[in-house]
Amino acid sequence: MMRTIFPAIVAAALTMTNAAHADFASGAIKIGVLTDLSGPYEGNGGHGSVAGAQIAADEFGDKIDGTPIVIVSADHQNKPDIGVAIASRWFEVEHVDAITDLVNSGVAGAVLTVAKKDDKLLLLTGAGSETFTGKNCAPDNLVQWVYDTYAAGSAAGQAMPYLGKTWFFITADYVFGKGVQAGTTRAIEARGGKVLGSVLHPIGTSDFSSYILQAQASGADVIALANGGQDTMNAIKAAHEFGVKAKIFPGFDLTEIKAMGLANAAGTLYVAYWNPNMNDKSRAFFKEFVKRTGKPVADFQIGTYSVVHSYLLAVKATHSTDPKTVLAQMRKAKVDDAFTDNGYLRPDGRMVHDIYLLQVKTPAESHGPYDWTKVIATLPGDKVFRPIDAPGGCAALAKK
């Protein structure tokens, strides 16, 4: 009897082992970090996002089931056509399984078309247009991990008691900037606030003088900067030069604070999608990131770590890189890592987590390297991200 059962057990074990490796046919689990490596958003994503993805891979020993995890990277230069060319080569020639970061919503939208055609997965961290979980959602091919323009607007509305009721926007003239302005306008008007005016600027603007003067002349309580990276820093510097008394409400993170210095950034209130002092995991990640890069970590960069870590956990659990299989597993698991301790992935691709209203400390308040911010308020994720059944949600999900 035992002689009959034992070969059957061995055969079953071999079958399971072969199945475990069946979806790793290319000989590697490949993740591409497609980002801005040389332009205005390099500090927010860029090489730091590559480092974040590599830290996640290293935590798995750079292998799953004996199959190596390979992180590759490329610069899309904030140009959709370049992003599409790289993504096509990665997916169709180099057998990349998933692409992360993107950092530019226009590029991400173009690359999503390729991902759907090739049945691959996008792990968005820096691309923030709310349409990625709305009219352009792709439940089988996309997650949006860190933030979106809807949440940015909702958070600004909740921050109104700390800011003011009248607003003027200085907005980057592309999908992200316009989305932030629209979402924020919706939120502040719903709470009795008013937008007094707005002005658009091209990406990579060096001189914000005319824009700041228009904003100052409006008499608004708040000058909202619906831009990012170097554009944000240049606008804040111009505001300081003109002695603007209105509160400046930027899209901000630790990389901008470091670049500007506490003396220039002190007192600035901003929405953050990660709290560096959240717990021991966040502090340990910060320390490791600084060790590797010599720089503080930005929200998109730790977000890239988090989404790659969650992706790899799902790949390990399912022995698969098939997007539908991996996404189904990711939706089952709570996200508890250095980025968030209470995140969860919805069917529309939105990862819901708490976000924060932070204020930059003065030099006198800071007690050491990178002790730059304090939490003013914690904003629960289910209050700031668009409800899954709200107008403007994922039409493709509704058809399933």
Protein backbone atom coordinates (compact mmCIF):
# COMPACT_ATOMS: atom_id res chain seq x y z
CA MET A 1 0.00 0.00 0.00
CA MET A 2 2.76 2.44 0.96
CA ARG A 3 4.62 1.65 -2.28
CA THR A 4 1.54 2.73 -4.22
CA ILE A 5 0.92 5.98 -2.35
CA PHE A 6 4.53 7.19 -2.11
CA PRO A 7 5.14 7.57 -5.87
CA ALA A 8 1.81 9.36 -6.15
CA ILE A 9 2.83 11.81 -3.43
CA VAL A 10 6.20 12.43 -5.12
CA ALA A 11 4.50 12.96 -8.46
CA ALA A 12 2.07 15.45 -6.92
CA ALA A 13 4.92 17.32 -5.26
CA LEU A 14 6.81 17.51 -8.56
CA THR A 15 3.69 18.78 -10.30
CA MET A 16 3.25 21.49 -7.68
CA THR A 17 6.93 22.45 -7.97
CA ASN A 18 6.69 22.75 -11.74
CA ALA A 19 3.50 24.83 -11.39
CA ALA A 20 5.24 27.11 -8.93
CA HIS A 21 7.77 28.00 -11.62
CA ALA A 22 5.45 27.88 -14.60
CA ASP A 23 4.86 31.63 -14.82
CA PHE A 24 8.56 32.49 -14.40
CA ALA A 25 9.37 31.18 -17.87
CA SER A 26 11.58 34.16 -18.76
CA GLY A 27 13.98 33.07 -16.02
CA ALA A 28 13.50 36.21 -13.92
CA ILE A 29 10.87 38.33 -12.22
CA LYS A 30 11.48 41.69 -13.87
CA ILE A 31 10.22 45.05 -12.61
CA GLY A 32 10.90 48.22 -14.57
CA VAL A 33 11.13 51.61 -12.89
CA LEU A 34 10.08 54.04 -15.62
CA THR A 35 10.61 57.52 -14.27
CA ASP A 36 12.14 60.96 -14.67
CA LEU A 37 15.88 60.45 -14.21
CA SER A 38 17.02 63.83 -15.50
CA GLY A 39 14.17 66.38 -15.34
CA PRO A 40 12.13 68.40 -12.85
CA TYR A 41 10.66 65.37 -11.04
CA GLU A 42 13.88 63.42 -10.56
CA GLY A 43 14.01 64.43 -6.91
CA ASN A 44 10.48 63.14 -6.25
CA GLY A 45 10.89 59.85 -8.13
CA GLY A 46 13.91 59.23 -10.32
CA HIS A 47 16.93 57.45 -8.87
CA GLY A 48 15.26 57.38 -5.46
CA SER A 49 12.40 55.31 -6.85
CA VAL A 50 14.93 52.91 -8.35
CA ALA A 51 16.55 52.64 -4.91
CA GLY A 52 13.16 52.05 -3.27
CA ALA A 53 12.34 49.23 -5.69
CA GLN A 54 15.75 47.66 -5.11
CA ILE A 55 15.33 47.77 -1.33
CA ALA A 56 12.08 45.87 -1.74
CA ALA A 57 13.78 43.23 -3.92
CA ASP A 58 16.66 42.94 -1.45
CA GLU A 59 14.21 42.14 1.35
CA PHE A 60 13.33 38.97 -0.60
CA GLY A 61 16.98 38.09 -1.04
CA ASP A 62 16.55 39.15 -4.68
CA LYS A 63 14.90 35.78 -5.39
CA ILE A 64 11.51 34.08 -5.24
CA ASP A 65 11.35 30.30 -5.58
CA GLY A 66 14.96 30.42 -6.75
CA THR A 67 14.07 32.82 -9.57
CA PRO A 68 16.02 36.10 -9.53
CA ILE A 69 14.24 39.42 -9.06
CA VAL A 70 15.63 41.98 -11.51
CA ILE A 71 15.05 45.74 -11.23
CA VAL A 72 15.62 47.72 -14.43
CA SER A 73 15.18 51.45 -14.96
CA ALA A 74 14.87 54.05 -17.71
CA ASP A 75 14.23 57.76 -18.20
CA HIS A 76 11.00 58.66 -20.01
CA GLN A 77 12.07 62.35 -20.05
CA ASN A 78 8.42 63.28 -19.35
CA LYS A 79 7.58 62.44 -22.99
CA PRO A 80 4.73 59.98 -23.67
CA ASP A 81 6.25 58.73 -26.93
CA ILE A 82 9.51 57.86 -25.22
CA GLY A 83 7.63 56.16 -22.38
CA VAL A 84 5.63 54.06 -24.87
CA ALA A 85 8.76 53.02 -26.77
CA ILE A 86 10.51 51.91 -23.57
CA ALA A 87 7.46 50.09 -22.22
CA SER A 88 6.92 48.27 -25.52
CA ARG A 89 10.52 47.09 -25.60
CA TRP A 90 10.44 46.05 -21.96
CA PHE A 91 7.20 44.10 -22.25
CA GLU A 92 7.65 42.54 -25.67
CA VAL A 93 11.42 41.98 -25.91
CA GLU A 94 12.91 42.05 -22.43
CA HIS A 95 10.02 40.25 -20.67
CA VAL A 96 9.47 42.86 -17.95
CA ASP A 97 6.49 41.78 -15.85
CA ALA A 98 5.48 45.10 -14.29
CA ILE A 99 6.35 48.79 -14.56
CA THR A 100 6.32 51.13 -11.59
CA ASP A 101 6.60 54.83 -10.68
CA LEU A 102 5.88 56.68 -14.01
CA VAL A 103 5.75 60.05 -12.06
CA ASN A 104 4.07 61.82 -14.98
CA SER A 105 0.35 61.23 -15.60
CA GLY A 106 0.59 61.99 -19.32
CA VAL A 107 3.31 59.37 -19.75
CA ALA A 108 1.43 56.90 -17.53
CA GLY A 109 -1.72 57.22 -19.61
CA ALA A 110 0.18 56.43 -22.80
CA VAL A 111 2.02 53.50 -21.20
CA LEU A 112 -1.25 52.09 -19.84
CA THR A 113 -2.37 51.50 -23.43
CA VAL A 114 0.69 49.31 -23.95
CA ALA A 115 0.18 47.47 -20.65
CA LYS A 116 -3.40 46.59 -21.58
CA LYS A 117 -2.39 45.43 -25.06
CA ASP A 118 0.38 43.21 -23.70
CA ASP A 119 -1.55 42.16 -20.56
CA LYS A 120 1.03 43.54 -18.16
CA LEU A 121 0.82 45.45 -14.89
CA LEU A 122 1.42 49.10 -13.98
CA LEU A 123 2.22 49.91 -10.35
CA LEU A 124 1.67 53.68 -10.31
CA THR A 125 3.24 55.69 -7.50
CA GLY A 126 4.11 59.09 -8.94
CA ALA A 127 1.34 59.43 -11.55
CA GLY A 128 -1.54 61.11 -9.75
CA SER A 129 -4.41 61.76 -12.14
CA GLU A 130 -7.66 60.58 -10.56
CA THR A 131 -8.75 59.24 -13.95
CA PHE A 132 -6.59 56.15 -13.38
CA THR A 133 -9.21 54.90 -10.95
CA GLY A 134 -11.97 56.74 -12.83
CA LYS A 135 -12.73 56.88 -16.55
CA ASN A 136 -9.32 55.44 -17.50
CA CYS A 137 -9.26 52.70 -14.88
CA ALA A 138 -7.94 49.26 -15.79
CA PRO A 139 -8.83 46.85 -12.95
CA ASP A 140 -6.82 44.00 -14.49
CA ASN A 141 -3.70 46.01 -15.33
CA LEU A 142 -3.20 48.88 -12.91
CA VAL A 143 -2.89 49.98 -9.29
CA GLN A 144 -2.49 53.54 -8.03
CA TRP A 145 -0.62 53.39 -4.77
CA VAL A 146 0.42 56.72 -3.26
CA TYR A 147 -2.12 59.44 -4.11
CA ASP A 148 -4.38 60.95 -6.72
CA THR A 149 -5.69 64.40 -7.53
CA TYR A 150 -9.08 63.66 -5.96
CA ALA A 151 -7.43 62.89 -2.61
CA ALA A 152 -5.15 65.92 -2.91
CA GLY A 153 -8.22 68.10 -3.32
CA SER A 154 -10.15 66.43 -0.50
CA ALA A 155 -7.23 66.81 1.85
CA ALA A 156 -6.90 70.49 0.99
CA GLY A 157 -10.56 70.95 1.80
CA GLN A 158 -10.11 69.31 5.18
CA ALA A 159 -7.09 71.54 5.81
CA MET A 160 -9.09 74.75 5.25
CA PRO A 161 -9.40 75.52 9.00
CA TYR A 162 -5.58 75.73 9.11
CA LEU A 163 -5.28 77.71 5.88
CA GLY A 164 -8.11 80.01 4.81
CA LYS A 165 -11.21 80.32 2.66
CA THR A 166 -10.02 82.24 -0.40
CA TRP A 167 -7.59 80.61 -2.84
CA PHE A 168 -5.53 81.40 -5.94
CA PHE A 169 -3.93 78.63 -8.01
CA ILE A 170 -0.56 78.56 -9.76
CA THR A 171 -0.92 75.41 -11.82
CA ALA A 172 1.35 73.27 -13.99
CA ASP A 173 -0.09 73.18 -17.49
CA TYR A 174 -0.61 69.44 -17.88
CA VAL A 175 -2.86 66.62 -16.66
CA PHE A 176 -1.59 66.44 -13.09
CA GLY A 177 -1.66 70.16 -12.33
CA LYS A 178 -5.10 70.69 -13.80
CA GLY A 179 -6.38 67.66 -11.93
CA VAL A 180 -5.08 68.95 -8.60
CA GLN A 181 -6.68 72.34 -9.22
CA ALA A 182 -10.02 70.79 -10.18
CA GLY A 183 -10.07 68.43 -7.22
CA THR A 184 -9.04 71.10 -4.74
CA THR A 185 -11.56 73.58 -6.12
CA ARG A 186 -14.32 71.03 -5.73
CA ALA A 187 -13.35 70.35 -2.12
CA ILE A 188 -12.93 73.93 -0.95
CA GLU A 189 -16.12 75.15 -2.61
CA ALA A 190 -18.02 72.31 -0.94
CA ARG A 191 -16.79 73.70 2.38
CA GLY A 192 -17.72 77.30 1.68
CA GLY A 193 -14.40 78.43 0.24
CA LYS A 194 -13.85 80.43 -2.94
CA VAL A 195 -11.30 80.43 -5.76
CA LEU A 196 -10.37 83.99 -6.70
CA GLY A 197 -8.32 83.11 -9.76
CA SER A 198 -5.69 80.90 -11.34
CA VAL A 199 -2.82 80.92 -13.81
CA LEU A 200 -1.14 78.13 -15.80
CA HIS A 201 2.63 77.71 -16.24
CA PRO A 202 4.71 75.27 -18.33
CA ILE A 203 6.74 72.50 -16.69
CA GLY A 204 10.29 73.60 -15.94
CA THR A 205 9.52 77.28 -15.32
CA SER A 206 12.44 79.09 -13.70
CA ASP A 207 10.93 82.54 -13.14
CA PHE A 208 7.64 82.60 -11.23
CA SER A 209 7.65 86.36 -10.60
CA SER A 210 4.69 87.24 -12.79
CA TYR A 211 2.61 84.34 -11.46
CA ILE A 212 3.31 85.22 -7.84
CA LEU A 213 2.47 88.87 -8.44
CA GLN A 214 -0.89 87.89 -9.96
CA ALA A 215 -1.61 85.65 -6.99
CA GLN A 216 -0.59 88.36 -4.52
CA ALA A 217 -2.78 90.94 -6.25
CA SER A 218 -5.82 88.67 -5.84
CA GLY A 219 -5.72 89.10 -2.07
CA ALA A 220 -6.29 85.36 -1.53
CA ASP A 221 -5.65 83.79 1.87
CA VAL A 222 -3.93 80.83 0.20
CA ILE A 223 -1.72 80.53 -2.85
CA ALA A 224 -2.04 76.92 -3.93
CA LEU A 225 0.80 75.47 -5.99
CA ALA A 226 -0.64 72.73 -8.20
CA ASN A 227 2.76 71.63 -9.48
CA GLY A 228 5.74 69.71 -8.14
CA GLY A 229 9.48 69.27 -7.90
CA GLN A 230 11.68 72.16 -8.99
CA ASP A 231 8.63 74.15 -10.11
CA THR A 232 7.31 74.14 -6.55
CA MET A 233 10.63 75.26 -5.11
CA ASN A 234 11.02 78.05 -7.65
CA ALA A 235 7.52 79.32 -6.87
CA ILE A 236 8.13 79.32 -3.11
CA LYS A 237 11.44 81.15 -3.57
CA ALA A 238 9.68 83.80 -5.66
CA ALA A 239 7.00 84.17 -2.98
CA HIS A 240 9.70 84.79 -0.37
CA GLU A 241 11.42 87.34 -2.60
CA PHE A 242 8.19 89.33 -2.92
CA GLY A 243 7.34 89.06 0.77
CA VAL A 244 4.03 87.31 0.13
CA LYS A 245 1.91 87.14 3.29
CA ALA A 246 -0.61 84.60 1.99
CA LYS A 247 -0.15 81.01 3.08
CA ILE A 248 1.60 78.88 0.48
CA PHE A 249 0.10 75.41 0.08
CA PRO A 250 2.37 73.30 -2.14
CA GLY A 251 2.71 69.73 -3.22
CA PHE A 252 5.78 69.13 -1.11
CA ASP A 253 7.98 66.43 0.39
CA LEU A 254 11.27 66.04 2.25
CA THR A 255 13.42 66.38 -0.86
CA GLU A 256 12.14 69.92 -1.44
CA ILE A 257 12.64 70.79 2.23
CA LYS A 258 16.25 69.65 2.04
CA ALA A 259 16.86 71.56 -1.18
CA MET A 260 15.31 74.77 0.18
CA GLY A 261 16.51 74.57 3.77
CA LEU A 262 14.40 75.00 6.90
CA ALA A 263 14.87 78.76 6.94
CA ASN A 264 13.07 79.09 3.59
CA ALA A 265 10.49 76.34 4.05
CA ALA A 266 9.64 76.84 7.75
CA GLY A 267 5.96 77.10 8.55
CA THR A 268 4.82 75.67 5.22
CA LEU A 269 1.75 73.46 5.55
CA TYR A 270 1.42 70.63 3.07
CA VAL A 271 -0.33 67.34 2.49
CA ALA A 272 1.97 64.32 2.78
CA TYR A 273 1.15 60.78 1.80
CA TRP A 274 3.60 59.30 4.27
CA ASN A 275 4.68 60.13 7.82
CA PRO A 276 8.44 59.50 8.27
CA ASN A 277 7.91 58.99 12.02
CA MET A 278 4.89 56.69 11.67
CA ASN A 279 6.55 53.65 13.28
CA ASP A 280 9.79 51.67 13.60
CA LYS A 281 9.45 50.32 10.05
CA SER A 282 9.24 53.81 8.55
CA ARG A 283 12.22 55.01 10.58
CA ALA A 284 14.28 51.94 9.60
CA PHE A 285 13.45 52.43 5.93
CA PHE A 286 14.41 56.10 6.13
CA LYS A 287 17.77 55.15 7.65
CA GLU A 288 18.46 52.52 4.98
CA PHE A 289 17.44 54.85 2.15
CA VAL A 290 19.73 57.63 3.38
CA LYS A 291 22.54 55.09 3.73
CA ARG A 292 22.14 54.05 0.09
CA THR A 293 21.44 57.40 -1.51
CA GLY A 294 22.68 60.09 0.86
CA LYS A 295 19.30 61.82 0.50
CA PRO A 296 15.98 61.93 2.36
CA VAL A 297 13.20 59.81 0.94
CA ALA A 298 10.29 61.35 -0.98
CA ASP A 299 6.71 60.08 -0.81
CA PHE A 300 6.77 58.58 -4.31
CA GLN A 301 10.07 56.82 -3.58
CA ILE A 302 8.88 55.02 -0.46
CA GLY A 303 5.60 54.43 -2.29
CA THR A 304 7.58 52.65 -5.01
CA TYR A 305 9.23 50.51 -2.33
CA SER A 306 5.82 49.70 -0.85
CA VAL A 307 4.06 48.74 -4.08
CA VAL A 308 7.00 46.61 -5.26
CA HIS A 309 7.13 44.92 -1.85
CA SER A 310 3.40 44.16 -1.99
CA TYR A 311 3.68 42.96 -5.58
CA LEU A 312 6.51 40.59 -4.69
CA LEU A 313 4.60 39.25 -1.69
CA ALA A 314 1.74 38.43 -4.06
CA VAL A 315 4.07 36.86 -6.63
CA LYS A 316 5.57 34.70 -3.89
CA ALA A 317 2.16 33.65 -2.57
CA THR A 318 0.73 32.78 -5.99
CA HIS A 319 3.90 31.61 -7.79
CA SER A 320 2.74 33.78 -10.68
CA THR A 321 3.33 37.10 -12.43
CA ASP A 322 0.00 36.98 -14.27
CA PRO A 323 -1.60 40.40 -13.59
CA LYS A 324 -5.07 39.11 -12.67
CA THR A 325 -3.64 36.46 -10.34
CA VAL A 326 -1.26 38.87 -8.64
CA LEU A 327 -3.87 41.62 -8.27
CA ALA A 328 -6.37 39.20 -6.73
CA GLN A 329 -3.78 38.29 -4.09
CA MET A 330 -2.79 41.92 -3.48
CA ARG A 331 -6.44 42.76 -2.76
CA LYS A 332 -6.60 40.06 -0.11
CA ALA A 333 -3.65 41.33 1.90
CA LYS A 334 -3.50 44.31 4.26
CA VAL A 335 -0.68 46.71 3.39
CA ASP A 336 1.45 46.98 6.51
CA ASP A 337 4.96 48.22 5.80
CA ALA A 338 7.17 51.30 6.07
CA PHE A 339 4.76 53.36 3.97
CA THR A 340 1.46 52.60 5.73
CA ASP A 341 0.24 50.34 8.50
CA ASN A 342 -3.42 50.25 7.47
CA GLY A 343 -3.61 50.19 3.68
CA TYR A 344 -5.83 48.08 1.45
CA LEU A 345 -6.21 47.70 -2.30
CA ARG A 346 -9.67 48.19 -3.83
CA PRO A 347 -10.96 46.42 -6.95
CA ASP A 348 -10.67 49.68 -8.93
CA GLY A 349 -6.91 49.80 -8.32
CA ARG A 350 -6.94 52.46 -5.60
CA MET A 351 -4.78 51.69 -2.56
CA VAL A 352 -6.48 53.44 0.37
CA HIS A 353 -4.35 54.65 3.28
CA ASP A 354 -4.15 57.54 5.74
CA ILE A 355 -2.52 60.78 4.63
CA TYR A 356 -1.24 63.68 6.72
CA LEU A 357 -1.22 67.44 7.06
CA LEU A 358 2.36 68.31 7.99
CA GLN A 359 4.06 71.55 8.83
CA VAL A 360 7.73 72.32 8.25
CA LYS A 361 9.54 73.07 11.52
CA THR A 362 11.58 76.17 12.13
CA PRO A 363 15.34 75.71 12.57
CA ALA A 364 14.85 76.19 16.31
CA GLU A 365 12.27 73.38 16.47
CA SER A 366 14.44 70.88 14.62
CA HIS A 367 16.45 68.53 16.83
CA GLY A 368 18.69 66.77 14.34
CA PRO A 369 19.22 65.68 10.73
CA TYR A 370 15.90 65.18 8.91
CA ASP A 371 13.83 66.24 11.92
CA TRP A 372 11.99 68.68 9.73
CA THR A 373 8.24 68.17 10.06
CA LYS A 374 5.44 67.79 12.58
CA VAL A 375 2.01 66.25 12.13
CA ILE A 376 -0.84 68.75 12.33
CA ALA A 377 -3.61 66.29 11.44
CA THR A 378 -4.10 62.69 10.28
CA LEU A 379 -6.63 62.42 7.46
CA PRO A 380 -8.24 58.95 7.24
CA GLY A 381 -7.95 57.35 3.82
CA ASP A 382 -11.63 56.50 3.57
CA LYS A 383 -12.43 60.20 4.03
CA VAL A 384 -10.05 61.61 1.42
CA PHE A 385 -9.96 59.09 -1.44
CA ARG A 386 -12.95 59.03 -3.76
CA PRO A 387 -15.48 56.37 -2.67
CA ILE A 388 -15.51 53.46 -5.08
CA ASP A 389 -19.20 53.97 -5.87
CA ALA A 390 -19.03 57.77 -6.21
CA PRO A 391 -19.66 59.60 -9.53
CA GLY A 392 -16.58 59.58 -11.70
CA GLY A 393 -15.53 56.13 -10.53
CA CYS A 394 -14.32 53.12 -12.49
CA ALA A 395 -16.73 52.42 -15.35
CA ALA A 396 -14.86 49.27 -16.38
CA LEU A 397 -15.39 47.83 -12.90
CA ALA A 398 -19.11 48.51 -13.10
CA LYS A 399 -19.31 46.39 -16.27
CA LYS A 400 -17.71 43.35 -14.63
